[in-house]
Protein backbone atom coordinates (compact mmCIF):
# COMPACT_ATOMS: atom_id res chain seq x y z
CA UNK A 1 -23.87 -24.02 4.00
CA UNK A 2 -23.38 -24.81 0.58
CA UNK A 3 -20.65 -26.81 -0.71
CA UNK A 4 -18.24 -26.04 -3.34
CA UNK A 5 -15.96 -28.12 -5.74
CA UNK A 6 -14.18 -27.80 -9.11
CA UNK A 7 -17.04 -28.58 -11.24
CA UNK A 8 -19.52 -26.24 -8.93
CA UNK A 9 -20.61 -22.70 -10.09
CA UNK A 10 -21.03 -20.75 -12.94
CA UNK A 11 -19.03 -20.61 -15.79
CA UNK A 12 -19.30 -18.62 -18.97
CA UNK A 13 -18.07 -19.95 -22.32
CA UNK A 14 -17.78 -17.20 -25.39
CA UNK A 15 -21.35 -16.01 -24.32
CA UNK A 16 -22.94 -13.48 -26.59
CA UNK A 17 -26.17 -12.19 -25.80
CA UNK A 18 -28.78 -9.32 -27.13
CA UNK A 19 -32.16 -8.49 -28.31
CA UNK A 20 -33.61 -8.64 -31.46
CA UNK A 21 -30.76 -9.78 -33.15
CA UNK A 22 -28.59 -6.96 -32.04
CA UNK A 23 -25.64 -8.51 -30.00
CA UNK A 24 -24.95 -6.50 -26.29
CA UNK A 25 -22.54 -8.80 -24.66
CA UNK A 26 -19.73 -10.36 -27.00
CA UNK A 27 -17.78 -13.62 -26.75
CA UNK A 28 -17.20 -13.27 -22.76
CA UNK A 29 -15.56 -15.91 -20.91
CA UNK A 30 -15.34 -15.90 -16.94
CA UNK A 31 -15.22 -18.34 -14.21
CA UNK A 32 -17.31 -17.05 -11.24
CA UNK A 33 -15.77 -18.00 -8.00
CA UNK A 34 -17.87 -19.58 -5.50
CA UNK A 35 -18.94 -18.79 -2.14
CA UNK A 36 -17.85 -15.07 -2.91
CA UNK A 37 -19.37 -11.91 -3.77
CA UNK A 38 -18.73 -10.81 -7.72
CA UNK A 39 -19.93 -7.56 -8.47
CA UNK A 40 -20.44 -6.47 -12.26
CA UNK A 41 -19.41 -2.73 -13.02
CA UNK A 42 -19.79 -0.51 -15.91
CA UNK A 43 -21.25 2.60 -17.49
CA UNK A 44 -24.75 2.36 -18.43
CA UNK A 45 -25.52 0.41 -21.64
CA UNK A 46 -22.05 -1.41 -21.09
CA UNK A 47 -24.08 -4.89 -21.00
CA UNK A 48 -24.57 -5.55 -17.20
CA UNK A 49 -27.83 -6.59 -17.09
CA UNK A 50 -28.15 -8.32 -20.60
CA UNK A 51 -25.25 -10.70 -18.51
CA UNK A 52 -26.84 -10.97 -15.62
CA UNK A 53 -30.18 -11.77 -17.42
CA UNK A 54 -28.73 -14.38 -19.48
CA UNK A 55 -26.67 -15.82 -16.50
CA UNK A 56 -29.76 -16.30 -15.06
CA UNK A 57 -31.69 -17.47 -17.93
CA UNK A 58 -33.97 -14.77 -18.66
CA UNK A 59 -32.48 -14.33 -22.05
CA UNK A 60 -31.59 -16.95 -24.79
CA UNK A 61 -27.77 -16.64 -25.88
CA UNK A 62 -26.94 -15.50 -29.39
CA UNK A 63 -23.48 -18.20 -29.01
CA UNK A 64 -21.75 -19.73 -26.71
CA UNK A 65 -23.14 -20.89 -23.19
CA UNK A 66 -23.99 -20.47 -19.08
CA UNK A 67 -22.71 -23.46 -17.52
CA UNK A 68 -23.86 -24.35 -13.85
CA UNK A 69 -22.49 -27.20 -12.11
CA UNK A 70 -21.03 -28.15 -15.58
CA UNK A 71 -24.32 -28.51 -17.22
CA UNK A 72 -25.85 -25.44 -19.51
CA UNK A 73 -28.49 -23.81 -18.06
CA UNK A 74 -30.51 -23.12 -20.96
CA UNK A 75 -30.96 -26.50 -21.95
CA UNK A 76 -31.85 -27.56 -18.56
CA UNK A 77 -35.92 -27.83 -17.03
CA UNK A 78 -36.76 -24.19 -15.19
CA UNK A 79 -37.24 -26.27 -11.73
CA UNK A 80 -33.84 -27.55 -11.77
CA UNK A 81 -32.48 -24.04 -12.56
CA UNK A 82 -34.37 -22.35 -10.05
CA UNK A 83 -33.67 -24.76 -7.20
CA UNK A 84 -29.49 -23.92 -7.86
CA UNK A 85 -30.13 -20.38 -8.71
CA UNK A 86 -32.27 -17.84 -7.18
CA UNK A 87 -32.77 -14.24 -9.45
CA UNK A 88 -33.60 -10.65 -7.93
CA UNK A 89 -34.76 -8.61 -11.16
CA UNK A 90 -34.26 -4.55 -11.21
CA UNK A 91 -38.14 -4.23 -10.81
CA UNK A 92 -39.80 -7.07 -9.21
CA UNK A 93 -43.44 -6.95 -9.76
CA UNK A 94 -45.29 -7.32 -6.42
CA UNK A 95 -49.05 -8.71 -6.19
CA UNK A 96 -51.39 -6.70 -3.87
CA UNK A 97 -52.55 -7.67 -0.77
CA UNK A 98 -49.07 -10.36 0.07
CA UNK A 99 -47.57 -10.08 3.68
CA UNK A 100 -44.31 -10.55 4.11
CA UNK A 101 -44.24 -14.36 4.97
CA UNK A 102 -46.86 -14.78 2.30
CA UNK A 103 -44.11 -13.08 -0.24
CA UNK A 104 -41.08 -14.96 0.89
CA UNK A 105 -42.93 -18.26 0.78
CA UNK A 106 -42.74 -17.86 -2.73
CA UNK A 107 -39.32 -18.97 -2.55
CA UNK A 108 -40.41 -22.72 -2.17
CA UNK A 109 -42.38 -22.83 -5.34
CA UNK A 110 -39.43 -24.57 -7.26
CA UNK A 111 -39.43 -27.19 -4.11
CA UNK A 112 -43.26 -28.61 -4.40
CA UNK A 113 -45.16 -30.07 -6.85
CA UNK A 114 -48.73 -31.97 -6.84
CA UNK A 115 -47.18 -34.73 -4.65
CA UNK A 116 -45.51 -32.45 -2.66
CA UNK A 117 -47.32 -29.44 -0.95
CA UNK A 118 -45.80 -27.65 2.24
CA UNK A 119 -43.69 -29.01 4.10
CA UNK A 120 -42.01 -28.36 7.90
CA UNK A 121 -38.57 -27.92 5.71
CA UNK A 122 -40.72 -25.31 3.56
CA UNK A 123 -41.41 -23.58 7.41
CA UNK A 124 -37.85 -23.71 8.34
CA UNK A 125 -36.28 -22.23 5.08
CA UNK A 126 -39.19 -19.37 5.16
CA UNK A 127 -38.33 -18.80 9.12
CA UNK A 128 -34.77 -18.58 8.62
CA UNK A 129 -34.98 -16.42 5.48
CA UNK A 130 -36.75 -14.44 7.76
CA UNK A 131 -34.39 -14.05 10.36
CA UNK A 132 -31.11 -13.74 8.27
CA UNK A 133 -32.62 -10.76 6.53
CA UNK A 134 -34.35 -9.05 9.70
CA UNK A 135 -37.87 -9.15 8.04
CA UNK A 136 -39.15 -11.74 10.91
CA UNK A 137 -39.92 -8.83 12.88
CA UNK A 138 -42.50 -7.53 10.44
CA UNK A 139 -43.81 -10.70 8.56
CA UNK A 140 -47.68 -10.59 9.20
CA UNK A 141 -47.58 -6.69 7.67
CA UNK A 142 -48.37 -6.56 3.94
CA UNK A 143 -45.24 -5.71 1.97
CA UNK A 144 -46.63 -2.28 0.14
CA UNK A 145 -46.76 -0.87 4.16
CA UNK A 146 -43.08 -1.05 4.10
CA UNK A 147 -40.00 1.17 3.64
CA UNK A 148 -37.87 0.79 0.29
CA UNK A 149 -35.07 -0.91 2.29
CA UNK A 150 -37.37 -2.88 4.10
CA UNK A 151 -39.29 -4.07 1.07
CA UNK A 152 -36.13 -4.63 -0.48
CA UNK A 153 -34.96 -7.16 1.99
CA UNK A 154 -37.99 -9.22 1.74
CA UNK A 155 -37.45 -9.86 -1.93
CA UNK A 156 -33.87 -10.71 -0.99
CA UNK A 157 -35.34 -13.11 1.90
CA UNK A 158 -37.57 -14.56 -1.36
CA UNK A 159 -34.78 -15.50 -2.70
CA UNK A 160 -32.92 -17.13 0.29
CA UNK A 161 -36.05 -19.17 0.80
CA UNK A 162 -35.28 -20.79 -2.45
CA UNK A 163 -32.02 -22.31 -0.67
CA UNK A 164 -30.56 -22.14 -4.15
CA UNK A 165 -26.53 -21.90 -3.35
CA UNK A 166 -26.09 -18.72 -6.20
CA UNK A 167 -28.39 -15.64 -6.00
CA UNK A 168 -28.47 -13.35 -8.69
CA UNK A 169 -29.52 -9.52 -8.03
CA UNK A 170 -29.69 -6.38 -10.46
CA UNK A 171 -28.92 -3.46 -8.67
CA UNK A 172 -30.79 -4.30 -5.83
CA UNK A 173 -29.79 -0.71 -3.90
CA UNK A 174 -31.19 1.56 -6.87
CA UNK A 175 -33.66 4.16 -5.23
CA UNK A 176 -32.69 3.46 -1.90
CA UNK A 177 -30.98 5.66 1.17
CA UNK A 178 -27.73 5.59 1.88
CA UNK A 179 -28.55 3.79 5.62
CA UNK A 180 -30.31 1.00 3.37
CA UNK A 181 -27.53 0.58 0.53
CA UNK A 182 -25.00 -0.36 3.35
CA UNK A 183 -27.82 -2.68 4.76
CA UNK A 184 -28.48 -4.61 1.81
CA UNK A 185 -24.86 -4.60 1.01
CA UNK A 186 -23.58 -5.90 4.51
CA UNK A 187 -26.32 -8.30 4.57
CA UNK A 188 -25.16 -9.78 0.49
CA UNK A 189 -21.64 -9.68 2.11
CA UNK A 190 -22.59 -11.63 4.96
CA UNK A 191 -23.90 -14.22 3.01
CA UNK A 192 -21.06 -15.10 1.29
CA UNK A 193 -18.88 -15.17 4.39
CA UNK A 194 -21.16 -16.93 6.61
CA UNK A 195 -23.19 -18.91 4.63
CA UNK A 196 -21.89 -20.37 1.80
CA UNK A 197 -23.52 -18.40 -0.72
CA UNK A 198 -22.31 -17.44 -4.30
CA UNK A 199 -23.52 -13.95 -5.24
CA UNK A 200 -23.74 -12.07 -8.26
CA UNK A 201 -24.84 -8.62 -8.43
CA UNK A 202 -24.70 -5.48 -10.64
CA UNK A 203 -23.99 -1.84 -8.66
CA UNK A 204 -23.94 1.40 -10.21
CA UNK A 205 -21.89 2.94 -7.31
CA UNK A 206 -18.24 2.12 -8.20
CA UNK A 207 -16.80 2.89 -4.21
CA UNK A 208 -19.65 0.37 -2.90
CA UNK A 209 -18.35 -1.94 -5.50
CA UNK A 210 -14.84 -1.67 -4.98
CA UNK A 211 -15.33 -2.12 -1.16
CA UNK A 212 -17.82 -4.89 -0.80
CA UNK A 213 -17.30 -7.05 -4.25
CA UNK A 214 -14.50 -10.08 -3.58
CA UNK A 215 -14.41 -10.14 -7.77
CA UNK A 216 -14.98 -7.49 -10.06
CA UNK A 217 -15.63 -7.54 -13.50
CA UNK A 218 -15.47 -4.54 -15.53
CA UNK A 219 -17.38 -4.08 -18.27
CA UNK A 220 -17.18 -1.81 -21.53
CA UNK A 221 -18.81 -1.81 -24.72
CA UNK A 222 -20.50 -5.57 -24.17
CA UNK A 223 -16.96 -6.90 -23.40
CA UNK A 224 -14.79 -7.75 -20.18
CA UNK A 225 -12.26 -4.75 -20.17
CA UNK A 226 -10.85 -6.24 -16.56
CA UNK A 227 -11.37 -8.92 -13.57
CA UNK A 228 -10.13 -7.77 -10.19
CA UNK A 229 -9.71 -10.55 -7.59
CA UNK A 230 -8.97 -10.08 -3.91
CA UNK A 231 -5.35 -8.25 -3.39
CA UNK A 232 -5.66 -6.78 -7.22
CA UNK A 233 -5.43 -3.36 -7.19
CA UNK A 234 -8.28 -1.13 -9.21
CA UNK A 235 -6.68 1.64 -10.96
CA UNK A 236 -7.62 5.21 -11.43
CA UNK A 237 -6.37 4.30 -15.53
CA UNK A 238 -8.66 1.06 -15.42
CA UNK A 239 -11.62 3.86 -14.11
CA UNK A 240 -10.69 6.01 -17.09
CA UNK A 241 -10.85 3.27 -19.62
CA UNK A 242 -14.37 2.02 -18.31
CA UNK A 243 -16.51 5.08 -17.38
CA UNK A 244 -14.57 7.93 -19.12
CA UNK A 245 -13.63 10.03 -16.41
CA UNK A 246 -10.96 10.77 -14.58
CA UNK A 247 -10.75 9.67 -10.97
CA UNK A 248 -8.82 10.29 -7.86
CA UNK A 249 -7.72 7.20 -5.85
CA UNK A 250 -7.57 7.52 -2.23
CA UNK A 251 -7.77 4.56 0.70
CA UNK A 252 -10.63 3.66 3.06
CA UNK A 253 -9.48 3.33 6.54
CA UNK A 254 -12.12 0.79 7.64
CA UNK A 255 -10.89 -1.57 4.42
CA UNK A 256 -7.87 -0.80 3.38
CA UNK A 257 -9.77 -0.87 0.02
CA UNK A 258 -9.57 2.56 -2.43
CA UNK A 259 -12.06 4.84 -3.34
CA UNK A 260 -12.66 7.23 -6.12
CA UNK A 261 -13.38 10.37 -6.20
CA UNK A 262 -14.01 11.91 -10.01
CA UNK A 263 -11.58 15.27 -10.69
CA UNK A 264 -14.63 18.24 -10.57
CA UNK A 265 -13.63 20.42 -14.28
CA UNK A 266 -12.62 23.78 -13.94
CA UNK A 267 -15.10 26.59 -14.55
CA UNK A 268 -13.29 30.08 -15.40
CA UNK A 269 -14.44 32.69 -12.62
CA UNK A 270 -15.75 35.71 -13.40
CA UNK A 271 -13.94 38.86 -13.18
């Protein structure tokens, strides 16, 4: 289990980033709770993926900094960052012909070099990642032979095999059916509750975000519109501001958390 102290984790200081001189996220300052699941929420184009990419060191900031364990990640060597931070992009490229075990084993690359090749520690890390994601039963199969949900669990297993305290995921439930969406979110939730991982995830589905996230960061036009922690109430007014849609709040009887139903526009009836 990962240990966390006051100087560990991800901190954003006046962070701005974008593409080709166009600022997408502007002057964002946040501290992301360690050992929790933080969800980035907002309408299309609000900057969720840009923010995650900058936190993952895939995008250079235009201003400010991303601190990991007190150090600016964009000024650290790639291998040093990859031992602390795992990233699962929205559409990862799958090399042809890899088995599940071979894909998950790639998560051990940050720990290897010319002097240190494959070890028993690597084997244990991969075995644990396969077990935690319930992918061990088909570890010998080609990844392309699997269903979408199974494949996504393999990618998460690869990130777990990296053994980083923090994992960033960009819309890991996109294109999955309902059962696999729930499986992936339950897995991520379990990683924070029982394995001490810090998970930061972009989710498209508002109700999944509200019911699974410990901390919700609402983005609107590249800025933080609101931050909700455990116990804070998510209101229809905030949803209206962020998504520009009227919603009605009900309560999930299993979790006690709200879920939101959009109002349907009334249409005229034929006379």
